[in-house]
Amino acid sequence: MSKFAVIVIAAASASFLATGGHSLLPGISRAVEANVSPSCRIKGNISIDSGERIYHLPGQIFYDDTKIRPEFGERWFCSETDARAAGWRKSRQ
């Protein structure tokens, strides 16, 4: 492969990653979510603004809108005790 081709591939890859194109690709989150026990319904979400770890319970205002992205460290919990022990706090709403 020529040097030019390598440079073009590297530049295209860097541009793709830098602009967030990788987020368009299917991630592991669906596979991980499929393996979560149905009894583990507590969503552990990491705030984009503050980095704070917040868990949401079914029925809370933001529960349905909250998406769990394991690739960003977010996860499911089976109990509030588990969530608190892992350093997460309950959503205020």
PDB file of N, CA and C in Angstrom:
ATOM      1  N   MET A   1       0.850  -1.167   0.000  1.00  0.00           N
ATOM      2  CA  MET A   1       0.000   0.000   0.000  1.00  0.00           C
ATOM      3  C   MET A   1       0.901   1.236   0.000  1.00  0.00           C
ATOM      4  N   SER A   2       0.523   2.195  -0.786  1.00  0.00           N
ATOM      5  CA  SER A   2       1.349   3.399  -0.901  1.00  0.00           C
ATOM      6  C   SER A   2       1.215   4.282   0.339  1.00  0.00           C
ATOM      7  N   LYS A   3       2.198   5.137   0.509  1.00  0.00           N
ATOM      8  CA  LYS A   3       2.192   6.067   1.631  1.00  0.00           C
ATOM      9  C   LYS A   3       0.970   6.988   1.552  1.00  0.00           C
ATOM     10  N   PHE A   4       0.641   7.400   0.347  1.00  0.00           N
ATOM     11  CA  PHE A   4      -0.508   8.274   0.140  1.00  0.00           C
ATOM     12  C   PHE A   4      -1.800   7.606   0.620  1.00  0.00           C
ATOM     13  N   ALA A   5      -1.992   6.341   0.264  1.00  0.00           N
ATOM     14  CA  ALA A   5      -3.200   5.618   0.671  1.00  0.00           C
ATOM     15  C   ALA A   5      -3.288   5.516   2.192  1.00  0.00           C
ATOM     16  N   VAL A   6      -2.171   5.267   2.843  1.00  0.00           N
ATOM     17  CA  VAL A   6      -2.144   5.168   4.302  1.00  0.00           C
ATOM     18  C   VAL A   6      -2.523   6.508   4.930  1.00  0.00           C
ATOM     19  N   ILE A   7      -2.003   7.596   4.369  1.00  0.00           N
ATOM     20  CA  ILE A   7      -2.311   8.930   4.887  1.00  0.00           C
ATOM     21  C   ILE A   7      -3.796   9.248   4.709  1.00  0.00           C
ATOM     22  N   VAL A   8      -4.346   8.913   3.541  1.00  0.00           N
ATOM     23  CA  VAL A   8      -5.763   9.166   3.278  1.00  0.00           C
ATOM     24  C   VAL A   8      -6.632   8.364   4.247  1.00  0.00           C
ATOM     25  N   ILE A   9      -6.314   7.098   4.449  1.00  0.00           N
ATOM     26  CA  ILE A   9      -7.085   6.252   5.368  1.00  0.00           C
ATOM     27  C   ILE A   9      -6.993   6.791   6.796  1.00  0.00           C
ATOM     28  N   ALA A  10      -5.798   7.170   7.218  1.00  0.00           N
ATOM     29  CA  ALA A  10      -5.611   7.702   8.573  1.00  0.00           C
ATOM     30  C   ALA A  10      -6.388   9.004   8.761  1.00  0.00           C
ATOM     31  N   ALA A  11      -6.325   9.891   7.761  1.00  0.00           N
ATOM     32  CA  ALA A  11      -7.031  11.171   7.859  1.00  0.00           C
ATOM     33  C   ALA A  11      -8.547  10.960   7.885  1.00  0.00           C
ATOM     34  N   ALA A  12      -9.035  10.062   7.051  1.00  0.00           N
ATOM     35  CA  ALA A  12     -10.471   9.788   7.015  1.00  0.00           C
ATOM     36  C   ALA A  12     -10.934   9.175   8.335  1.00  0.00           C
ATOM     37  N   SER A  13     -10.150   8.262   8.881  1.00  0.00           N
ATOM     38  CA  SER A  13     -10.501   7.636  10.161  1.00  0.00           C
ATOM     39  C   SER A  13     -10.512   8.661  11.286  1.00  0.00           C
ATOM     40  N   ALA A  14      -9.503   9.518  11.322  1.00  0.00           N
ATOM     41  CA  ALA A  14      -9.429  10.547  12.361  1.00  0.00           C
ATOM     42  C   ALA A  14     -10.616  11.498  12.258  1.00  0.00           C
ATOM     43  N   SER A  15     -10.962  11.887  11.048  1.00  0.00           N
ATOM     44  CA  SER A  15     -12.095  12.784  10.839  1.00  0.00           C
ATOM     45  C   SER A  15     -13.401  12.119  11.280  1.00  0.00           C
ATOM     46  N   PHE A  16     -13.568  10.861  10.933  1.00  0.00           N
ATOM     47  CA  PHE A  16     -14.757  10.093  11.298  1.00  0.00           C
ATOM     48  C   PHE A  16     -14.912  10.043  12.813  1.00  0.00           C
ATOM     49  N   LEU A  17     -13.832   9.734  13.503  1.00  0.00           N
ATOM     50  CA  LEU A  17     -13.888   9.632  14.959  1.00  0.00           C
ATOM     51  C   LEU A  17     -14.055  11.000  15.620  1.00  0.00           C
ATOM     52  N   ALA A  18     -13.364  12.001  15.111  1.00  0.00           N
ATOM     53  CA  ALA A  18     -13.404  13.335  15.716  1.00  0.00           C
ATOM     54  C   ALA A  18     -14.777  13.991  15.602  1.00  0.00           C
ATOM     55  N   THR A  19     -15.515  13.672  14.562  1.00  0.00           N
ATOM     56  CA  THR A  19     -16.833  14.290  14.372  1.00  0.00           C
ATOM     57  C   THR A  19     -17.960  13.479  15.000  1.00  0.00           C
ATOM     58  N   GLY A  20     -17.610  12.419  15.711  1.00  0.00           N
ATOM     59  CA  GLY A  20     -18.631  11.617  16.379  1.00  0.00           C
ATOM     60  C   GLY A  20     -19.287  10.595  15.481  1.00  0.00           C
ATOM     61  N   GLY A  21     -18.719  10.335  14.332  1.00  0.00           N
ATOM     62  CA  GLY A  21     -19.290   9.356  13.410  1.00  0.00           C
ATOM     63  C   GLY A  21     -19.405   7.971  14.016  1.00  0.00           C
ATOM     64  N   HIS A  22     -18.496   7.669  14.953  1.00  0.00           N
ATOM     65  CA  HIS A  22     -18.535   6.356  15.590  1.00  0.00           C
ATOM     66  C   HIS A  22     -19.839   6.127  16.348  1.00  0.00           C
ATOM     67  N   SER A  23     -20.510   7.205  16.751  1.00  0.00           N
ATOM     68  CA  SER A  23     -21.765   7.042  17.488  1.00  0.00           C
ATOM     69  C   SER A  23     -22.891   6.535  16.587  1.00  0.00           C
ATOM     70  N   LEU A  24     -22.696   6.602  15.282  1.00  0.00           N
ATOM     71  CA  LEU A  24     -23.695   6.088  14.350  1.00  0.00           C
ATOM     72  C   LEU A  24     -23.611   4.577  14.200  1.00  0.00           C
ATOM     73  N   LEU A  25     -22.488   4.017  14.627  1.00  0.00           N
ATOM     74  CA  LEU A  25     -22.303   2.576  14.530  1.00  0.00           C
ATOM     75  C   LEU A  25     -22.981   1.886  15.704  1.00  0.00           C
ATOM     76  N   PRO A  26     -23.498   0.672  15.487  1.00  0.00           N
ATOM     77  CA  PRO A  26     -24.116  -0.029  16.617  1.00  0.00           C
ATOM     78  C   PRO A  26     -23.060  -0.356  17.660  1.00  0.00           C
ATOM     79  N   GLY A  27     -23.375  -0.077  18.891  1.00  0.00           N
ATOM     80  CA  GLY A  27     -22.432  -0.336  19.978  1.00  0.00           C
ATOM     81  C   GLY A  27     -22.740  -1.635  20.680  1.00  0.00           C
ATOM     82  N   ILE A  28     -22.049  -1.850  21.776  1.00  0.00           N
ATOM     83  CA  ILE A  28     -22.276  -3.063  22.549  1.00  0.00           C
ATOM     84  C   ILE A  28     -23.457  -2.914  23.498  1.00  0.00           C
ATOM     85  N   SER A  29     -23.991  -1.712  23.623  1.00  0.00           N
ATOM     86  CA  SER A  29     -25.030  -1.477  24.626  1.00  0.00           C
ATOM     87  C   SER A  29     -26.255  -2.366  24.423  1.00  0.00           C
ATOM     88  N   ARG A  30     -26.664  -2.607  23.198  1.00  0.00           N
ATOM     89  CA  ARG A  30     -27.829  -3.464  22.968  1.00  0.00           C
ATOM     90  C   ARG A  30     -27.556  -4.890  23.416  1.00  0.00           C
ATOM     91  N   ALA A  31     -26.362  -5.382  23.131  1.00  0.00           N
ATOM     92  CA  ALA A  31     -26.014  -6.739  23.544  1.00  0.00           C
ATOM     93  C   ALA A  31     -25.947  -6.833  25.057  1.00  0.00           C
ATOM     94  N   VAL A  32     -25.366  -5.835  25.687  1.00  0.00           N
ATOM     95  CA  VAL A  32     -25.265  -5.828  27.145  1.00  0.00           C
ATOM     96  C   VAL A  32     -26.650  -5.709  27.758  1.00  0.00           C
ATOM     97  N   GLU A  33     -27.473  -4.830  27.213  1.00  0.00           N
ATOM     98  CA  GLU A  33     -28.822  -4.635  27.739  1.00  0.00           C
ATOM     99  C   GLU A  33     -29.637  -5.919  27.645  1.00  0.00           C
ATOM    100  N   ALA A  34     -29.449  -6.691  26.587  1.00  0.00           N
ATOM    101  CA  ALA A  34     -30.176  -7.939  26.415  1.00  0.00           C
ATOM    102  C   ALA A  34     -29.794  -8.960  27.475  1.00  0.00           C
ATOM    103  N   ASN A  35     -28.588  -8.834  28.048  1.00  0.00           N
ATOM    104  CA  ASN A  35     -28.121  -9.780  29.055  1.00  0.00           C
ATOM    105  C   ASN A  35     -28.444  -9.353  30.481  1.00  0.00           C
ATOM    106  N   VAL A  36     -29.096  -8.228  30.657  1.00  0.00           N
ATOM    107  CA  VAL A  36     -29.441  -7.740  31.988  1.00  0.00           C
ATOM    108  C   VAL A  36     -30.674  -8.478  32.479  1.00  0.00           C
ATOM    109  N   SER A  37     -30.634  -8.887  33.746  1.00  0.00           N
ATOM    110  CA  SER A  37     -31.779  -9.572  34.340  1.00  0.00           C
ATOM    111  C   SER A  37     -32.999  -8.655  34.316  1.00  0.00           C
ATOM    112  N   PRO A  38     -34.171  -9.187  34.000  1.00  0.00           N
ATOM    113  CA  PRO A  38     -35.383  -8.359  33.980  1.00  0.00           C
ATOM    114  C   PRO A  38     -35.685  -7.718  35.336  1.00  0.00           C
ATOM    115  N   SER A  39     -35.153  -8.287  36.410  1.00  0.00           N
ATOM    116  CA  SER A  39     -35.398  -7.708  37.735  1.00  0.00           C
ATOM    117  C   SER A  39     -34.492  -6.513  38.016  1.00  0.00           C
ATOM    118  N   CYS A  40     -33.490  -6.305  37.182  1.00  0.00           N
ATOM    119  CA  CYS A  40     -32.561  -5.179  37.360  1.00  0.00           C
ATOM    120  C   CYS A  40     -33.052  -3.999  36.534  1.00  0.00           C
ATOM    121  N   ARG A  41     -33.948  -3.202  37.112  1.00  0.00           N
ATOM    122  CA  ARG A  41     -34.604  -2.130  36.361  1.00  0.00           C
ATOM    123  C   ARG A  41     -34.141  -0.736  36.765  1.00  0.00           C
ATOM    124  N   ILE A  42     -33.135  -0.644  37.616  1.00  0.00           N
ATOM    125  CA  ILE A  42     -32.640   0.663  38.046  1.00  0.00           C
ATOM    126  C   ILE A  42     -31.558   1.111  37.078  1.00  0.00           C
ATOM    127  N   LYS A  43     -31.731   2.303  36.515  1.00  0.00           N
ATOM    128  CA  LYS A  43     -30.809   2.811  35.499  1.00  0.00           C
ATOM    129  C   LYS A  43     -29.743   3.700  36.131  1.00  0.00           C
ATOM    130  N   GLY A  44     -28.485   3.308  35.977  1.00  0.00           N
ATOM    131  CA  GLY A  44     -27.368   4.112  36.471  1.00  0.00           C
ATOM    132  C   GLY A  44     -26.821   4.962  35.340  1.00  0.00           C
ATOM    133  N   ASN A  45     -27.075   6.252  35.405  1.00  0.00           N
ATOM    134  CA  ASN A  45     -26.730   7.191  34.343  1.00  0.00           C
ATOM    135  C   ASN A  45     -25.650   8.155  34.822  1.00  0.00           C
ATOM    136  N   ILE A  46     -24.753   8.556  33.926  1.00  0.00           N
ATOM    137  CA  ILE A  46     -23.722   9.531  34.268  1.00  0.00           C
ATOM    138  C   ILE A  46     -24.081  10.855  33.596  1.00  0.00           C
ATOM    139  N   SER A  47     -24.191  11.899  34.403  1.00  0.00           N
ATOM    140  CA  SER A  47     -24.564  13.225  33.898  1.00  0.00           C
ATOM    141  C   SER A  47     -23.511  13.747  32.929  1.00  0.00           C
ATOM    142  N   ILE A  48     -23.951  14.198  31.767  1.00  0.00           N
ATOM    143  CA  ILE A  48     -23.042  14.774  30.776  1.00  0.00           C
ATOM    144  C   ILE A  48     -22.452  16.078  31.307  1.00  0.00           C
ATOM    145  N   ASP A  49     -23.263  16.867  31.995  1.00  0.00           N
ATOM    146  CA  ASP A  49     -22.822  18.179  32.480  1.00  0.00           C
ATOM    147  C   ASP A  49     -21.832  18.101  33.638  1.00  0.00           C
ATOM    148  N   SER A  50     -22.135  17.250  34.617  1.00  0.00           N
ATOM    149  CA  SER A  50     -21.327  17.241  35.840  1.00  0.00           C
ATOM    150  C   SER A  50     -20.485  15.988  36.037  1.00  0.00           C
ATOM    151  N   GLY A  51     -20.797  14.925  35.296  1.00  0.00           N
ATOM    152  CA  GLY A  51     -20.098  13.660  35.506  1.00  0.00           C
ATOM    153  C   GLY A  51     -20.627  12.907  36.716  1.00  0.00           C
ATOM    154  N   GLU A  52     -21.660  13.451  37.352  1.00  0.00           N
ATOM    155  CA  GLU A  52     -22.236  12.830  38.543  1.00  0.00           C
ATOM    156  C   GLU A  52     -22.949  11.532  38.172  1.00  0.00           C
ATOM    157  N   ARG A  53     -22.833  10.541  39.045  1.00  0.00           N
ATOM    158  CA  ARG A  53     -23.466   9.236  38.834  1.00  0.00           C
ATOM    159  C   ARG A  53     -24.820   9.230  39.542  1.00  0.00           C
ATOM    160  N   ILE A  54     -25.877   9.103  38.747  1.00  0.00           N
ATOM    161  CA  ILE A  54     -27.241   9.220  39.253  1.00  0.00           C
ATOM    162  C   ILE A  54     -28.032   7.989  38.829  1.00  0.00           C
ATOM    163  N   TYR A  55     -28.800   7.416  39.771  1.00  0.00           N
ATOM    164  CA  TYR A  55     -29.648   6.293  39.375  1.00  0.00           C
ATOM    165  C   TYR A  55     -31.114   6.716  39.352  1.00  0.00           C
ATOM    166  N   HIS A  56     -31.851   6.089  38.431  1.00  0.00           N
ATOM    167  CA  HIS A  56     -33.259   6.407  38.208  1.00  0.00           C
ATOM    168  C   HIS A  56     -34.095   5.153  38.430  1.00  0.00           C
ATOM    169  N   LEU A  57     -35.194   5.311  39.147  1.00  0.00           N
ATOM    170  CA  LEU A  57     -36.112   4.207  39.427  1.00  0.00           C
ATOM    171  C   LEU A  57     -37.298   4.250  38.470  1.00  0.00           C
ATOM    172  N   PRO A  58     -37.875   3.076  38.161  1.00  0.00           N
ATOM    173  CA  PRO A  58     -39.087   3.072  37.338  1.00  0.00           C
ATOM    174  C   PRO A  58     -40.147   3.979  37.977  1.00  0.00           C
ATOM    175  N   GLY A  59     -40.792   4.780  37.147  1.00  0.00           N
ATOM    176  CA  GLY A  59     -41.821   5.690  37.626  1.00  0.00           C
ATOM    177  C   GLY A  59     -41.323   7.107  37.862  1.00  0.00           C
ATOM    178  N   GLN A  60     -40.007   7.287  37.970  1.00  0.00           N
ATOM    179  CA  GLN A  60     -39.486   8.641  38.135  1.00  0.00           C
ATOM    180  C   GLN A  60     -39.585   9.386  36.807  1.00  0.00           C
ATOM    181  N   ILE A  61     -39.593  10.706  36.892  1.00  0.00           N
ATOM    182  CA  ILE A  61     -39.866  11.558  35.732  1.00  0.00           C
ATOM    183  C   ILE A  61     -38.921  11.320  34.545  1.00  0.00           C
ATOM    184  N   PHE A  62     -37.638  11.106  34.789  1.00  0.00           N
ATOM    185  CA  PHE A  62     -36.688  10.953  33.681  1.00  0.00           C
ATOM    186  C   PHE A  62     -36.357   9.496  33.358  1.00  0.00           C
ATOM    187  N   TYR A  63     -37.026   8.556  34.025  1.00  0.00           N
ATOM    188  CA  TYR A  63     -36.687   7.141  33.844  1.00  0.00           C
ATOM    189  C   TYR A  63     -36.802   6.707  32.379  1.00  0.00           C
ATOM    190  N   ASP A  64     -37.938   6.970  31.765  1.00  0.00           N
ATOM    191  CA  ASP A  64     -38.162   6.501  30.391  1.00  0.00           C
ATOM    192  C   ASP A  64     -37.230   7.164  29.382  1.00  0.00           C
ATOM    193  N   ASP A  65     -36.834   8.398  29.637  1.00  0.00           N
ATOM    194  CA  ASP A  65     -35.940   9.114  28.719  1.00  0.00           C
ATOM    195  C   ASP A  65     -34.474   8.736  28.901  1.00  0.00           C
ATOM    196  N   THR A  66     -34.147   8.122  30.027  1.00  0.00           N
ATOM    197  CA  THR A  66     -32.753   7.794  30.328  1.00  0.00           C
ATOM    198  C   THR A  66     -32.320   6.552  29.562  1.00  0.00           C
ATOM    199  N   LYS A  67     -31.250   6.689  28.800  1.00  0.00           N
ATOM    200  CA  LYS A  67     -30.672   5.578  28.036  1.00  0.00           C
ATOM    201  C   LYS A  67     -29.367   5.163  28.702  1.00  0.00           C
ATOM    202  N   ILE A  68     -29.173   3.871  28.840  1.00  0.00           N
ATOM    203  CA  ILE A  68     -27.956   3.361  29.465  1.00  0.00           C
ATOM    204  C   ILE A  68     -26.950   3.029  28.375  1.00  0.00           C
ATOM    205  N   ARG A  69     -25.762   3.629  28.477  1.00  0.00           N
ATOM    206  CA  ARG A  69     -24.684   3.432  27.507  1.00  0.00           C
ATOM    207  C   ARG A  69     -23.477   2.832  28.241  1.00  0.00           C
ATOM    208  N   PRO A  70     -23.379   1.503  28.283  1.00  0.00           N
ATOM    209  CA  PRO A  70     -22.274   0.854  29.005  1.00  0.00           C
ATOM    210  C   PRO A  70     -20.896   1.312  28.546  1.00  0.00           C
ATOM    211  N   GLU A  71     -20.781   1.693  27.284  1.00  0.00           N
ATOM    212  CA  GLU A  71     -19.479   2.130  26.778  1.00  0.00           C
ATOM    213  C   GLU A  71     -19.017   3.430  27.441  1.00  0.00           C
ATOM    214  N   PHE A  72     -19.939   4.133  28.119  1.00  0.00           N
ATOM    215  CA  PHE A  72     -19.596   5.352  28.849  1.00  0.00           C
ATOM    216  C   PHE A  72     -19.611   5.135  30.357  1.00  0.00           C
ATOM    217  N   GLY A  73     -19.668   3.884  30.780  1.00  0.00           N
ATOM    218  CA  GLY A  73     -19.631   3.564  32.205  1.00  0.00           C
ATOM    219  C   GLY A  73     -20.996   3.499  32.875  1.00  0.00           C
ATOM    220  N   GLU A  74     -22.052   3.673  32.097  1.00  0.00           N
ATOM    221  CA  GLU A  74     -23.393   3.593  32.660  1.00  0.00           C
ATOM    222  C   GLU A  74     -23.791   2.132  32.806  1.00  0.00           C
ATOM    223  N   ARG A  75     -24.726   1.864  33.733  1.00  0.00           N
ATOM    224  CA  ARG A  75     -25.071   0.468  33.998  1.00  0.00           C
ATOM    225  C   ARG A  75     -26.444   0.324  34.628  1.00  0.00           C
ATOM    226  N   TRP A  76     -26.875  -0.925  34.721  1.00  0.00           N
ATOM    227  CA  TRP A  76     -28.131  -1.282  35.372  1.00  0.00           C
ATOM    228  C   TRP A  76     -27.825  -1.776  36.781  1.00  0.00           C
ATOM    229  N   PHE A  77     -28.763  -1.522  37.702  1.00  0.00           N
ATOM    230  CA  PHE A  77     -28.650  -2.034  39.066  1.00  0.00           C
ATOM    231  C   PHE A  77     -29.898  -2.834  39.404  1.00  0.00           C
ATOM    232  N   CYS A  78     -29.714  -3.814  40.290  1.00  0.00           N
ATOM    233  CA  CYS A  78     -30.838  -4.649  40.717  1.00  0.00           C
ATOM    234  C   CYS A  78     -31.486  -4.131  41.996  1.00  0.00           C
ATOM    235  N   SER A  79     -30.780  -3.274  42.721  1.00  0.00           N
ATOM    236  CA  SER A  79     -31.347  -2.705  43.946  1.00  0.00           C
ATOM    237  C   SER A  79     -30.742  -1.331  44.201  1.00  0.00           C
ATOM    238  N   GLU A  80     -31.469  -0.528  44.982  1.00  0.00           N
ATOM    239  CA  GLU A  80     -30.937   0.779  45.363  1.00  0.00           C
ATOM    240  C   GLU A  80     -29.688   0.613  46.223  1.00  0.00           C
ATOM    241  N   THR A  81     -29.675  -0.435  47.034  1.00  0.00           N
ATOM    242  CA  THR A  81     -28.504  -0.706  47.874  1.00  0.00           C
ATOM    243  C   THR A  81     -27.268  -0.916  47.013  1.00  0.00           C
ATOM    244  N   ASP A  82     -27.424  -1.687  45.932  1.00  0.00           N
ATOM    245  CA  ASP A  82     -26.296  -1.922  45.009  1.00  0.00           C
ATOM    246  C   ASP A  82     -25.829  -0.612  44.379  1.00  0.00           C
ATOM    247  N   ALA A  83     -26.783   0.219  43.974  1.00  0.00           N
ATOM    248  CA  ALA A  83     -26.443   1.492  43.328  1.00  0.00           C
ATOM    249  C   ALA A  83     -25.691   2.410  44.290  1.00  0.00           C
ATOM    250  N   ARG A  84     -26.196   2.534  45.510  1.00  0.00           N
ATOM    251  CA  ARG A  84     -25.530   3.393  46.501  1.00  0.00           C
ATOM    252  C   ARG A  84     -24.147   2.851  46.862  1.00  0.00           C
ATOM    253  N   ALA A  85     -24.039   1.530  46.998  1.00  0.00           N
ATOM    254  CA  ALA A  85     -22.751   0.918  47.340  1.00  0.00           C
ATOM    255  C   ALA A  85     -21.712   1.165  46.248  1.00  0.00           C
ATOM    256  N   ALA A  86     -22.182   1.317  45.001  1.00  0.00           N
ATOM    257  CA  ALA A  86     -21.274   1.568  43.877  1.00  0.00           C
ATOM    258  C   ALA A  86     -20.957   3.061  43.725  1.00  0.00           C
ATOM    259  N   GLY A  87     -21.541   3.900  44.601  1.00  0.00           N
ATOM    260  CA  GLY A  87     -21.230   5.329  44.574  1.00  0.00           C
ATOM    261  C   GLY A  87     -22.193   6.198  43.783  1.00  0.00           C
ATOM    262  N   TRP A  88     -23.374   5.689  43.485  1.00  0.00           N
ATOM    263  CA  TRP A  88     -24.366   6.445  42.725  1.00  0.00           C
ATOM    264  C   TRP A  88     -25.388   7.032  43.689  1.00  0.00           C
ATOM    265  N   ARG A  89     -25.995   8.154  43.325  1.00  0.00           N
ATOM    266  CA  ARG A  89     -27.046   8.752  44.144  1.00  0.00           C
ATOM    267  C   ARG A  89     -28.381   8.687  43.401  1.00  0.00           C
ATOM    268  N   LYS A  90     -29.456   8.729  44.180  1.00  0.00           N
ATOM    269  CA  LYS A  90     -30.800   8.679  43.607  1.00  0.00           C
ATOM    270  C   LYS A  90     -31.137  10.004  42.922  1.00  0.00           C
ATOM    271  N   SER A  91     -31.834   9.911  41.808  1.00  0.00           N
ATOM    272  CA  SER A  91     -32.311  11.108  41.114  1.00  0.00           C
ATOM    273  C   SER A  91     -33.246  11.887  42.033  1.00  0.00           C
ATOM    274  N   ARG A  92     -33.151  13.186  41.990  1.00  0.00           N
ATOM    275  CA  ARG A  92     -33.994  14.025  42.847  1.00  0.00           C
ATOM    276  C   ARG A  92     -35.411  14.163  42.298  1.00  0.00           C
ATOM    277  N   GLN A  93     -35.629  13.716  41.074  1.00  0.00           N
ATOM    278  CA  GLN A  93     -36.954  13.859  40.463  1.00  0.00           C
ATOM    279  C   GLN A  93     -37.518  12.523  40.080  1.00  0.00           C
TER     280      GLN A  93
END
